[in-house]
Amino acid sequence: MVLFGAAVAAAVPVYLGMQGRKADQTAQANLVSAVPMAQAYRQDHGSYAGMDTTDLLKIDPRVSPTLSVAFARRHAYCLTETVHGKTWSIRGPYHGDAPFTANGTCE
């Protein structure tokens, strides 16, 4: 019984860490997959100003339903995504080089 308790005590943090990393990867993948929709919005409207989540969903309904636009200005935007209680954001225009930030403000 003691060995079983020790095994569970050691396995739970590993499992939770693995789930956390998977959630982070999912959030980041959802953000990257929404970037082409933001680019399409800019092409259609001349800037990112006024862009919101509904606009991205109109362009492609496969955009994550938990993704949101934190801000959209003429030449820049911030997309946020929350998976399992953790929020990630990415600032655009994104060309594969911008880092993800672990908050909803792109700061």
PDB file of N, CA and C in Angstrom:
ATOM      1  N   MET A   1       0.816  -1.183   0.000  1.00  0.00           N
ATOM      2  CA  MET A   1       0.000   0.000   0.000  1.00  0.00           C
ATOM      3  C   MET A   1       0.868   1.259   0.000  1.00  0.00           C
ATOM      4  N   VAL A   2       1.941   1.220   0.785  1.00  0.00           N
ATOM      5  CA  VAL A   2       2.853   2.356   0.848  1.00  0.00           C
ATOM      6  C   VAL A   2       3.511   2.574  -0.507  1.00  0.00           C
ATOM      7  N   LEU A   3       3.916   1.491  -1.163  1.00  0.00           N
ATOM      8  CA  LEU A   3       4.540   1.619  -2.486  1.00  0.00           C
ATOM      9  C   LEU A   3       3.562   2.204  -3.500  1.00  0.00           C
ATOM     10  N   PHE A   4       2.312   1.780  -3.436  1.00  0.00           N
ATOM     11  CA  PHE A   4       1.301   2.320  -4.348  1.00  0.00           C
ATOM     12  C   PHE A   4       1.127   3.819  -4.111  1.00  0.00           C
ATOM     13  N   GLY A   5       1.060   4.230  -2.865  1.00  0.00           N
ATOM     14  CA  GLY A   5       0.927   5.654  -2.528  1.00  0.00           C
ATOM     15  C   GLY A   5       2.119   6.460  -3.024  1.00  0.00           C
ATOM     16  N   ALA A   6       3.304   5.906  -2.897  1.00  0.00           N
ATOM     17  CA  ALA A   6       4.506   6.591  -3.370  1.00  0.00           C
ATOM     18  C   ALA A   6       4.515   6.709  -4.887  1.00  0.00           C
ATOM     19  N   ALA A   7       4.072   5.660  -5.554  1.00  0.00           N
ATOM     20  CA  ALA A   7       4.021   5.692  -7.019  1.00  0.00           C
ATOM     21  C   ALA A   7       3.022   6.735  -7.498  1.00  0.00           C
ATOM     22  N   VAL A   8       1.878   6.815  -6.878  1.00  0.00           N
ATOM     23  CA  VAL A   8       0.865   7.812  -7.249  1.00  0.00           C
ATOM     24  C   VAL A   8       1.390   9.218  -6.963  1.00  0.00           C
ATOM     25  N   ALA A   9       2.028   9.397  -5.822  1.00  0.00           N
ATOM     26  CA  ALA A   9       2.572  10.701  -5.458  1.00  0.00           C
ATOM     27  C   ALA A   9       3.621  11.170  -6.461  1.00  0.00           C
ATOM     28  N   ALA A  10       4.370  10.255  -7.018  1.00  0.00           N
ATOM     29  CA  ALA A  10       5.383  10.615  -8.011  1.00  0.00           C
ATOM     30  C   ALA A  10       4.768  10.821  -9.395  1.00  0.00           C
ATOM     31  N   ALA A  11       3.727  10.079  -9.715  1.00  0.00           N
ATOM     32  CA  ALA A  11       3.140  10.130 -11.053  1.00  0.00           C
ATOM     33  C   ALA A  11       2.233  11.338 -11.269  1.00  0.00           C
ATOM     34  N   VAL A  12       1.546  11.790 -10.247  1.00  0.00           N
ATOM     35  CA  VAL A  12       0.585  12.884 -10.408  1.00  0.00           C
ATOM     36  C   VAL A  12       1.253  14.164 -10.908  1.00  0.00           C
ATOM     37  N   PRO A  13       2.343  14.638 -10.322  1.00  0.00           N
ATOM     38  CA  PRO A  13       2.974  15.859 -10.848  1.00  0.00           C
ATOM     39  C   PRO A  13       3.461  15.699 -12.298  1.00  0.00           C
ATOM     40  N   VAL A  14       3.953  14.530 -12.634  1.00  0.00           N
ATOM     41  CA  VAL A  14       4.407  14.280 -14.006  1.00  0.00           C
ATOM     42  C   VAL A  14       3.224  14.370 -14.963  1.00  0.00           C
ATOM     43  N   TYR A  15       2.118  13.743 -14.595  1.00  0.00           N
ATOM     44  CA  TYR A  15       0.920  13.762 -15.429  1.00  0.00           C
ATOM     45  C   TYR A  15       0.387  15.186 -15.585  1.00  0.00           C
ATOM     46  N   LEU A  16       0.312  15.930 -14.493  1.00  0.00           N
ATOM     47  CA  LEU A  16      -0.194  17.293 -14.557  1.00  0.00           C
ATOM     48  C   LEU A  16       0.726  18.185 -15.393  1.00  0.00           C
ATOM     49  N   GLY A  17       2.015  17.987 -15.281  1.00  0.00           N
ATOM     50  CA  GLY A  17       2.962  18.741 -16.102  1.00  0.00           C
ATOM     51  C   GLY A  17       2.791  18.439 -17.584  1.00  0.00           C
ATOM     52  N   MET A  18       2.565  17.168 -17.893  1.00  0.00           N
ATOM     53  CA  MET A  18       2.358  16.777 -19.282  1.00  0.00           C
ATOM     54  C   MET A  18       1.070  17.401 -19.818  1.00  0.00           C
ATOM     55  N   GLN A  19       0.015  17.402 -19.027  1.00  0.00           N
ATOM     56  CA  GLN A  19      -1.253  18.010 -19.441  1.00  0.00           C
ATOM     57  C   GLN A  19      -1.089  19.512 -19.637  1.00  0.00           C
ATOM     58  N   GLY A  20      -0.324  20.155 -18.770  1.00  0.00           N
ATOM     59  CA  GLY A  20      -0.079  21.594 -18.897  1.00  0.00           C
ATOM     60  C   GLY A  20       0.666  21.928 -20.174  1.00  0.00           C
ATOM     61  N   ARG A  21       1.675  21.143 -20.506  1.00  0.00           N
ATOM     62  CA  ARG A  21       2.436  21.373 -21.745  1.00  0.00           C
ATOM     63  C   ARG A  21       1.556  21.153 -22.962  1.00  0.00           C
ATOM     64  N   LYS A  22       0.697  20.146 -22.907  1.00  0.00           N
ATOM     65  CA  LYS A  22      -0.211  19.877 -24.021  1.00  0.00           C
ATOM     66  C   LYS A  22      -1.180  21.041 -24.203  1.00  0.00           C
ATOM     67  N   ALA A  23      -1.706  21.592 -23.124  1.00  0.00           N
ATOM     68  CA  ALA A  23      -2.610  22.739 -23.193  1.00  0.00           C
ATOM     69  C   ALA A  23      -1.895  23.951 -23.774  1.00  0.00           C
ATOM     70  N   ASP A  24      -0.648  24.176 -23.353  1.00  0.00           N
ATOM     71  CA  ASP A  24       0.133  25.295 -23.893  1.00  0.00           C
ATOM     72  C   ASP A  24       0.344  25.138 -25.393  1.00  0.00           C
ATOM     73  N   GLN A  25       0.693  23.944 -25.816  1.00  0.00           N
ATOM     74  CA  GLN A  25       0.912  23.695 -27.247  1.00  0.00           C
ATOM     75  C   GLN A  25      -0.377  23.874 -28.040  1.00  0.00           C
ATOM     76  N   THR A  26      -1.501  23.459 -27.487  1.00  0.00           N
ATOM     77  CA  THR A  26      -2.786  23.627 -28.161  1.00  0.00           C
ATOM     78  C   THR A  26      -3.121  25.100 -28.316  1.00  0.00           C
ATOM     79  N   ALA A  27      -2.947  25.873 -27.249  1.00  0.00           N
ATOM     80  CA  ALA A  27      -3.228  27.312 -27.309  1.00  0.00           C
ATOM     81  C   ALA A  27      -2.346  27.997 -28.342  1.00  0.00           C
ATOM     82  N   GLN A  28      -1.068  27.679 -28.352  1.00  0.00           N
ATOM     83  CA  GLN A  28      -0.146  28.299 -29.294  1.00  0.00           C
ATOM     84  C   GLN A  28      -0.471  27.900 -30.731  1.00  0.00           C
ATOM     85  N   ALA A  29      -0.846  26.648 -30.958  1.00  0.00           N
ATOM     86  CA  ALA A  29      -1.231  26.200 -32.299  1.00  0.00           C
ATOM     87  C   ALA A  29      -2.504  26.910 -32.764  1.00  0.00           C
ATOM     88  N   ASN A  30      -3.459  27.099 -31.854  1.00  0.00           N
ATOM     89  CA  ASN A  30      -4.685  27.817 -32.204  1.00  0.00           C
ATOM     90  C   ASN A  30      -4.389  29.262 -32.588  1.00  0.00           C
ATOM     91  N   LEU A  31      -3.460  29.889 -31.882  1.00  0.00           N
ATOM     92  CA  LEU A  31      -3.087  31.265 -32.210  1.00  0.00           C
ATOM     93  C   LEU A  31      -2.452  31.348 -33.593  1.00  0.00           C
ATOM     94  N   VAL A  32      -1.508  30.463 -33.863  1.00  0.00           N
ATOM     95  CA  VAL A  32      -0.827  30.481 -35.161  1.00  0.00           C
ATOM     96  C   VAL A  32      -1.807  30.196 -36.296  1.00  0.00           C
ATOM     97  N   SER A  33      -2.773  29.310 -36.055  1.00  0.00           N
ATOM     98  CA  SER A  33      -3.724  28.989 -37.119  1.00  0.00           C
ATOM     99  C   SER A  33      -4.694  30.137 -37.396  1.00  0.00           C
ATOM    100  N   ALA A  34      -4.841  31.083 -36.469  1.00  0.00           N
ATOM    101  CA  ALA A  34      -5.723  32.235 -36.684  1.00  0.00           C
ATOM    102  C   ALA A  34      -5.021  33.384 -37.406  1.00  0.00           C
ATOM    103  N   VAL A  35      -3.710  33.352 -37.479  1.00  0.00           N
ATOM    104  CA  VAL A  35      -2.955  34.433 -38.122  1.00  0.00           C
ATOM    105  C   VAL A  35      -3.368  34.641 -39.584  1.00  0.00           C
ATOM    106  N   PRO A  36      -3.528  33.596 -40.401  1.00  0.00           N
ATOM    107  CA  PRO A  36      -3.956  33.838 -41.784  1.00  0.00           C
ATOM    108  C   PRO A  36      -5.321  34.537 -41.886  1.00  0.00           C
ATOM    109  N   MET A  37      -6.203  34.306 -40.923  1.00  0.00           N
ATOM    110  CA  MET A  37      -7.489  34.991 -40.932  1.00  0.00           C
ATOM    111  C   MET A  37      -7.311  36.474 -40.634  1.00  0.00           C
ATOM    112  N   ALA A  38      -6.397  36.790 -39.723  1.00  0.00           N
ATOM    113  CA  ALA A  38      -6.103  38.200 -39.434  1.00  0.00           C
ATOM    114  C   ALA A  38      -5.497  38.869 -40.671  1.00  0.00           C
ATOM    115  N   GLN A  39      -4.625  38.150 -41.367  1.00  0.00           N
ATOM    116  CA  GLN A  39      -4.042  38.700 -42.596  1.00  0.00           C
ATOM    117  C   GLN A  39      -5.124  38.909 -43.659  1.00  0.00           C
ATOM    118  N   ALA A  40      -6.051  37.979 -43.768  1.00  0.00           N
ATOM    119  CA  ALA A  40      -7.147  38.111 -44.729  1.00  0.00           C
ATOM    120  C   ALA A  40      -8.020  39.312 -44.375  1.00  0.00           C
ATOM    121  N   TYR A  41      -8.262  39.522 -43.094  1.00  0.00           N
ATOM    122  CA  TYR A  41      -9.042  40.680 -42.664  1.00  0.00           C
ATOM    123  C   TYR A  41      -8.347  41.962 -43.106  1.00  0.00           C
ATOM    124  N   ARG A  42      -7.039  42.025 -42.893  1.00  0.00           N
ATOM    125  CA  ARG A  42      -6.279  43.219 -43.284  1.00  0.00           C
ATOM    126  C   ARG A  42      -6.351  43.452 -44.782  1.00  0.00           C
ATOM    127  N   GLN A  43      -6.246  42.397 -45.565  1.00  0.00           N
ATOM    128  CA  GLN A  43      -6.334  42.541 -47.017  1.00  0.00           C
ATOM    129  C   GLN A  43      -7.703  43.071 -47.437  1.00  0.00           C
ATOM    130  N   ASP A  44      -8.745  42.612 -46.770  1.00  0.00           N
ATOM    131  CA  ASP A  44     -10.099  43.046 -47.118  1.00  0.00           C
ATOM    132  C   ASP A  44     -10.417  44.460 -46.646  1.00  0.00           C
ATOM    133  N   HIS A  45      -9.835  44.890 -45.514  1.00  0.00           N
ATOM    134  CA  HIS A  45     -10.197  46.171 -44.902  1.00  0.00           C
ATOM    135  C   HIS A  45      -9.084  47.215 -44.913  1.00  0.00           C
ATOM    136  N   GLY A  46      -7.900  46.857 -45.333  1.00  0.00           N
ATOM    137  CA  GLY A  46      -6.799  47.819 -45.396  1.00  0.00           C
ATOM    138  C   GLY A  46      -6.029  48.004 -44.103  1.00  0.00           C
ATOM    139  N   SER A  47      -6.537  47.507 -43.007  1.00  0.00           N
ATOM    140  CA  SER A  47      -5.839  47.560 -41.724  1.00  0.00           C
ATOM    141  C   SER A  47      -6.473  46.525 -40.792  1.00  0.00           C
ATOM    142  N   TYR A  48      -5.877  46.390 -39.611  1.00  0.00           N
ATOM    143  CA  TYR A  48      -6.425  45.475 -38.620  1.00  0.00           C
ATOM    144  C   TYR A  48      -7.475  46.156 -37.741  1.00  0.00           C
ATOM    145  N   ALA A  49      -7.557  47.483 -37.805  1.00  0.00           N
ATOM    146  CA  ALA A  49      -8.470  48.249 -36.953  1.00  0.00           C
ATOM    147  C   ALA A  49      -9.904  47.743 -37.111  1.00  0.00           C
ATOM    148  N   GLY A  50     -10.559  47.530 -35.996  1.00  0.00           N
ATOM    149  CA  GLY A  50     -11.937  47.059 -36.006  1.00  0.00           C
ATOM    150  C   GLY A  50     -12.097  45.549 -36.035  1.00  0.00           C
ATOM    151  N   MET A  51     -11.017  44.828 -36.234  1.00  0.00           N
ATOM    152  CA  MET A  51     -11.089  43.369 -36.297  1.00  0.00           C
ATOM    153  C   MET A  51     -11.492  42.815 -34.934  1.00  0.00           C
ATOM    154  N   ASP A  52     -12.406  41.846 -34.947  1.00  0.00           N
ATOM    155  CA  ASP A  52     -12.770  41.166 -33.712  1.00  0.00           C
ATOM    156  C   ASP A  52     -12.911  39.666 -33.984  1.00  0.00           C
ATOM    157  N   THR A  53     -13.209  38.929 -32.952  1.00  0.00           N
ATOM    158  CA  THR A  53     -13.294  37.475 -33.062  1.00  0.00           C
ATOM    159  C   THR A  53     -14.352  37.046 -34.067  1.00  0.00           C
ATOM    160  N   THR A  54     -15.468  37.734 -34.092  1.00  0.00           N
ATOM    161  CA  THR A  54     -16.537  37.408 -35.040  1.00  0.00           C
ATOM    162  C   THR A  54     -16.046  37.530 -36.472  1.00  0.00           C
ATOM    163  N   ASP A  55     -15.237  38.548 -36.753  1.00  0.00           N
ATOM    164  CA  ASP A  55     -14.683  38.715 -38.103  1.00  0.00           C
ATOM    165  C   ASP A  55     -13.807  37.533 -38.485  1.00  0.00           C
ATOM    166  N   LEU A  56     -12.992  37.065 -37.557  1.00  0.00           N
ATOM    167  CA  LEU A  56     -12.119  35.921 -37.843  1.00  0.00           C
ATOM    168  C   LEU A  56     -12.951  34.667 -38.101  1.00  0.00           C
ATOM    169  N   LEU A  57     -14.017  34.491 -37.324  1.00  0.00           N
ATOM    170  CA  LEU A  57     -14.890  33.327 -37.509  1.00  0.00           C
ATOM    171  C   LEU A  57     -15.649  33.387 -38.831  1.00  0.00           C
ATOM    172  N   LYS A  58     -15.957  34.589 -39.296  1.00  0.00           N
ATOM    173  CA  LYS A  58     -16.617  34.724 -40.600  1.00  0.00           C
ATOM    174  C   LYS A  58     -15.683  34.297 -41.722  1.00  0.00           C
ATOM    175  N   ILE A  59     -14.407  34.593 -41.573  1.00  0.00           N
ATOM    176  CA  ILE A  59     -13.419  34.231 -42.589  1.00  0.00           C
ATOM    177  C   ILE A  59     -13.201  32.722 -42.582  1.00  0.00           C
ATOM    178  N   ASP A  60     -13.082  32.150 -41.393  1.00  0.00           N
ATOM    179  CA  ASP A  60     -12.897  30.701 -41.272  1.00  0.00           C
ATOM    180  C   ASP A  60     -13.554  30.217 -39.980  1.00  0.00           C
ATOM    181  N   PRO A  61     -14.660  29.513 -40.083  1.00  0.00           N
ATOM    182  CA  PRO A  61     -15.365  29.062 -38.880  1.00  0.00           C
ATOM    183  C   PRO A  61     -14.607  28.034 -38.040  1.00  0.00           C
ATOM    184  N   ARG A  62     -13.461  27.578 -38.523  1.00  0.00           N
ATOM    185  CA  ARG A  62     -12.667  26.622 -37.745  1.00  0.00           C
ATOM    186  C   ARG A  62     -11.794  27.305 -36.706  1.00  0.00           C
ATOM    187  N   VAL A  63     -11.791  28.640 -36.666  1.00  0.00           N
ATOM    188  CA  VAL A  63     -11.029  29.359 -35.644  1.00  0.00           C
ATOM    189  C   VAL A  63     -11.532  28.906 -34.278  1.00  0.00           C
ATOM    190  N   SER A  64     -10.627  28.721 -33.362  1.00  0.00           N
ATOM    191  CA  SER A  64     -10.990  28.265 -32.021  1.00  0.00           C
ATOM    192  C   SER A  64     -12.044  29.183 -31.405  1.00  0.00           C
ATOM    193  N   PRO A  65     -13.099  28.610 -30.838  1.00  0.00           N
ATOM    194  CA  PRO A  65     -14.146  29.439 -30.240  1.00  0.00           C
ATOM    195  C   PRO A  65     -13.698  30.175 -28.976  1.00  0.00           C
ATOM    196  N   THR A  66     -12.565  29.785 -28.405  1.00  0.00           N
ATOM    197  CA  THR A  66     -12.067  30.475 -27.218  1.00  0.00           C
ATOM    198  C   THR A  66     -11.006  31.519 -27.561  1.00  0.00           C
ATOM    199  N   LEU A  67     -10.689  31.674 -28.830  1.00  0.00           N
ATOM    200  CA  LEU A  67      -9.721  32.679 -29.264  1.00  0.00           C
ATOM    201  C   LEU A  67     -10.401  34.041 -29.244  1.00  0.00           C
ATOM    202  N   SER A  68      -9.670  35.079 -28.865  1.00  0.00           N
ATOM    203  CA  SER A  68     -10.246  36.424 -28.891  1.00  0.00           C
ATOM    204  C   SER A  68      -9.211  37.429 -29.358  1.00  0.00           C
ATOM    205  N   VAL A  69      -9.714  38.557 -29.798  1.00  0.00           N
ATOM    206  CA  VAL A  69      -8.862  39.658 -30.233  1.00  0.00           C
ATOM    207  C   VAL A  69      -8.768  40.633 -29.058  1.00  0.00           C
ATOM    208  N   ALA A  70      -7.591  40.743 -28.467  1.00  0.00           N
ATOM    209  CA  ALA A  70      -7.402  41.643 -27.319  1.00  0.00           C
ATOM    210  C   ALA A  70      -7.381  43.088 -27.780  1.00  0.00           C
ATOM    211  N   PHE A  71      -6.703  43.357 -28.883  1.00  0.00           N
ATOM    212  CA  PHE A  71      -6.754  44.676 -29.507  1.00  0.00           C
ATOM    213  C   PHE A  71      -6.444  44.536 -30.981  1.00  0.00           C
ATOM    214  N   ALA A  72      -6.937  45.497 -31.743  1.00  0.00           N
ATOM    215  CA  ALA A  72      -6.672  45.542 -33.181  1.00  0.00           C
ATOM    216  C   ALA A  72      -6.511  47.002 -33.571  1.00  0.00           C
ATOM    217  N   ARG A  73      -5.318  47.337 -33.992  1.00  0.00           N
ATOM    218  CA  ARG A  73      -5.008  48.705 -34.425  1.00  0.00           C
ATOM    219  C   ARG A  73      -4.704  48.679 -35.911  1.00  0.00           C
ATOM    220  N   ARG A  74      -4.392  49.808 -36.434  1.00  0.00           N
ATOM    221  CA  ARG A  74      -4.164  49.906 -37.879  1.00  0.00           C
ATOM    222  C   ARG A  74      -3.098  48.928 -38.367  1.00  0.00           C
ATOM    223  N   HIS A  75      -1.961  48.888 -37.675  1.00  0.00           N
ATOM    224  CA  HIS A  75      -0.839  48.066 -38.142  1.00  0.00           C
ATOM    225  C   HIS A  75      -0.490  46.908 -37.211  1.00  0.00           C
ATOM    226  N   ALA A  76      -1.267  46.670 -36.174  1.00  0.00           N
ATOM    227  CA  ALA A  76      -0.920  45.620 -35.210  1.00  0.00           C
ATOM    228  C   ALA A  76      -2.178  45.059 -34.566  1.00  0.00           C
ATOM    229  N   TYR A  77      -2.035  43.862 -34.008  1.00  0.00           N
ATOM    230  CA  TYR A  77      -3.138  43.217 -33.295  1.00  0.00           C
ATOM    231  C   TYR A  77      -2.568  42.304 -32.231  1.00  0.00           C
ATOM    232  N   CYS A  78      -3.438  41.881 -31.332  1.00  0.00           N
ATOM    233  CA  CYS A  78      -3.072  40.916 -30.299  1.00  0.00           C
ATOM    234  C   CYS A  78      -4.179  39.881 -30.232  1.00  0.00           C
ATOM    235  N   LEU A  79      -3.810  38.634 -30.451  1.00  0.00           N
ATOM    236  CA  LEU A  79      -4.750  37.520 -30.338  1.00  0.00           C
ATOM    237  C   LEU A  79      -4.458  36.783 -29.044  1.00  0.00           C
ATOM    238  N   THR A  80      -5.506  36.341 -28.362  1.00  0.00           N
ATOM    239  CA  THR A  80      -5.333  35.585 -27.128  1.00  0.00           C
ATOM    240  C   THR A  80      -6.118  34.275 -27.210  1.00  0.00           C
ATOM    241  N   GLU A  81      -5.632  33.303 -26.499  1.00  0.00           N
ATOM    242  CA  GLU A  81      -6.282  31.995 -26.450  1.00  0.00           C
ATOM    243  C   GLU A  81      -6.111  31.424 -25.053  1.00  0.00           C
ATOM    244  N   THR A  82      -7.183  30.882 -24.506  1.00  0.00           N
ATOM    245  CA  THR A  82      -7.148  30.271 -23.184  1.00  0.00           C
ATOM    246  C   THR A  82      -7.512  28.798 -23.308  1.00  0.00           C
ATOM    247  N   VAL A  83      -6.631  27.946 -22.806  1.00  0.00           N
ATOM    248  CA  VAL A  83      -6.868  26.499 -22.788  1.00  0.00           C
ATOM    249  C   VAL A  83      -6.575  26.016 -21.379  1.00  0.00           C
ATOM    250  N   HIS A  84      -7.536  25.339 -20.778  1.00  0.00           N
ATOM    251  CA  HIS A  84      -7.422  24.803 -19.413  1.00  0.00           C
ATOM    252  C   HIS A  84      -6.979  25.864 -18.416  1.00  0.00           C
ATOM    253  N   GLY A  85      -7.545  27.057 -18.540  1.00  0.00           N
ATOM    254  CA  GLY A  85      -7.294  28.115 -17.577  1.00  0.00           C
ATOM    255  C   GLY A  85      -6.026  28.912 -17.771  1.00  0.00           C
ATOM    256  N   LYS A  86      -5.216  28.592 -18.769  1.00  0.00           N
ATOM    257  CA  LYS A  86      -3.989  29.338 -19.014  1.00  0.00           C
ATOM    258  C   LYS A  86      -4.126  30.106 -20.320  1.00  0.00           C
ATOM    259  N   THR A  87      -3.816  31.398 -20.277  1.00  0.00           N
ATOM    260  CA  THR A  87      -3.971  32.266 -21.435  1.00  0.00           C
ATOM    261  C   THR A  87      -2.626  32.560 -22.072  1.00  0.00           C
ATOM    262  N   TRP A  88      -2.604  32.458 -23.387  1.00  0.00           N
ATOM    263  CA  TRP A  88      -1.430  32.799 -24.187  1.00  0.00           C
ATOM    264  C   TRP A  88      -1.842  33.877 -25.186  1.00  0.00           C
ATOM    265  N   SER A  89      -0.898  34.676 -25.613  1.00  0.00           N
ATOM    266  CA  SER A  89      -1.198  35.695 -26.618  1.00  0.00           C
ATOM    267  C   SER A  89      -0.048  35.799 -27.607  1.00  0.00           C
ATOM    268  N   ILE A  90      -0.378  36.377 -28.742  1.00  0.00           N
ATOM    269  CA  ILE A  90       0.616  36.608 -29.786  1.00  0.00           C
ATOM    270  C   ILE A  90       0.297  37.943 -30.446  1.00  0.00           C
ATOM    271  N   ARG A  91       1.342  38.704 -30.694  1.00  0.00           N
ATOM    272  CA  ARG A  91       1.198  40.016 -31.308  1.00  0.00           C
ATOM    273  C   ARG A  91       1.463  39.887 -32.796  1.00  0.00           C
ATOM    274  N   GLY A  92       0.663  40.576 -33.588  1.00  0.00           N
ATOM    275  CA  GLY A  92       0.837  40.542 -35.034  1.00  0.00           C
ATOM    276  C   GLY A  92       1.045  41.927 -35.593  1.00  0.00           C
ATOM    277  N   PRO A  93       1.515  42.028 -36.801  1.00  0.00           N
ATOM    278  CA  PRO A  93       1.580  40.929 -37.757  1.00  0.00           C
ATOM    279  C   PRO A  93       2.652  39.912 -37.375  1.00  0.00           C
ATOM    280  N   TYR A  94       2.295  38.666 -37.522  1.00  0.00           N
ATOM    281  CA  TYR A  94       3.135  37.541 -37.125  1.00  0.00           C
ATOM    282  C   TYR A  94       3.731  36.908 -38.377  1.00  0.00           C
ATOM    283  N   HIS A  95       5.041  36.754 -38.361  1.00  0.00           N
ATOM    284  CA  HIS A  95       5.739  36.141 -39.491  1.00  0.00           C
ATOM    285  C   HIS A  95       6.565  34.936 -39.044  1.00  0.00           C
ATOM    286  N   GLY A  96       6.135  34.288 -37.973  1.00  0.00           N
ATOM    287  CA  GLY A  96       6.844  33.120 -37.478  1.00  0.00           C
ATOM    288  C   GLY A  96       7.963  33.440 -36.516  1.00  0.00           C
ATOM    289  N   ASP A  97       8.157  34.714 -36.195  1.00  0.00           N
ATOM    290  CA  ASP A  97       9.277  35.089 -35.352  1.00  0.00           C
ATOM    291  C   ASP A  97       8.858  35.708 -34.019  1.00  0.00           C
ATOM    292  N   ALA A  98       7.606  36.111 -33.890  1.00  0.00           N
ATOM    293  CA  ALA A  98       7.159  36.760 -32.654  1.00  0.00           C
ATOM    294  C   ALA A  98       6.985  35.720 -31.552  1.00  0.00           C
ATOM    295  N   PRO A  99       7.415  36.045 -30.359  1.00  0.00           N
ATOM    296  CA  PRO A  99       7.253  35.084 -29.269  1.00  0.00           C
ATOM    297  C   PRO A  99       5.821  35.077 -28.728  1.00  0.00           C
ATOM    298  N   PHE A 100       5.445  33.975 -28.158  1.00  0.00           N
ATOM    299  CA  PHE A 100       4.176  33.880 -27.442  1.00  0.00           C
ATOM    300  C   PHE A 100       4.406  34.448 -26.053  1.00  0.00           C
ATOM    301  N   THR A 101       3.386  35.086 -25.502  1.00  0.00           N
ATOM    302  CA  THR A 101       3.480  35.543 -24.128  1.00  0.00           C
ATOM    303  C   THR A 101       2.403  34.833 -23.307  1.00  0.00           C
ATOM    304  N   ALA A 102       2.717  34.521 -22.071  1.00  0.00           N
ATOM    305  CA  ALA A 102       1.808  33.767 -21.215  1.00  0.00           C
ATOM    306  C   ALA A 102       0.874  34.716 -20.469  1.00  0.00           C
ATOM    307  N   ASN A 103       0.154  35.531 -21.234  1.00  0.00           N
ATOM    308  CA  ASN A 103      -0.855  36.433 -20.678  1.00  0.00           C
ATOM    309  C   ASN A 103      -1.816  36.828 -21.791  1.00  0.00           C
ATOM    310  N   GLY A 104      -2.784  37.651 -21.489  1.00  0.00           N
ATOM    311  CA  GLY A 104      -3.770  38.048 -22.493  1.00  0.00           C
ATOM    312  C   GLY A 104      -3.569  39.448 -23.020  1.00  0.00           C
ATOM    313  N   THR A 105      -2.361  40.000 -22.870  1.00  0.00           N
ATOM    314  CA  THR A 105      -2.127  41.395 -23.268  1.00  0.00           C
ATOM    315  C   THR A 105      -1.023  41.571 -24.308  1.00  0.00           C
ATOM    316  N   CYS A 106      -0.374  40.507 -24.695  1.00  0.00           N
ATOM    317  CA  CYS A 106       0.759  40.574 -25.644  1.00  0.00           C
ATOM    318  C   CYS A 106       1.933  41.388 -25.099  1.00  0.00           C
ATOM    319  N   GLU A 107       1.994  41.604 -23.816  1.00  0.00           N
ATOM    320  CA  GLU A 107       3.096  42.364 -23.202  1.00  0.00           C
ATOM    321  C   GLU A 107       4.148  41.426 -22.676  1.00  0.00           C
TER     322      GLU A 107
END
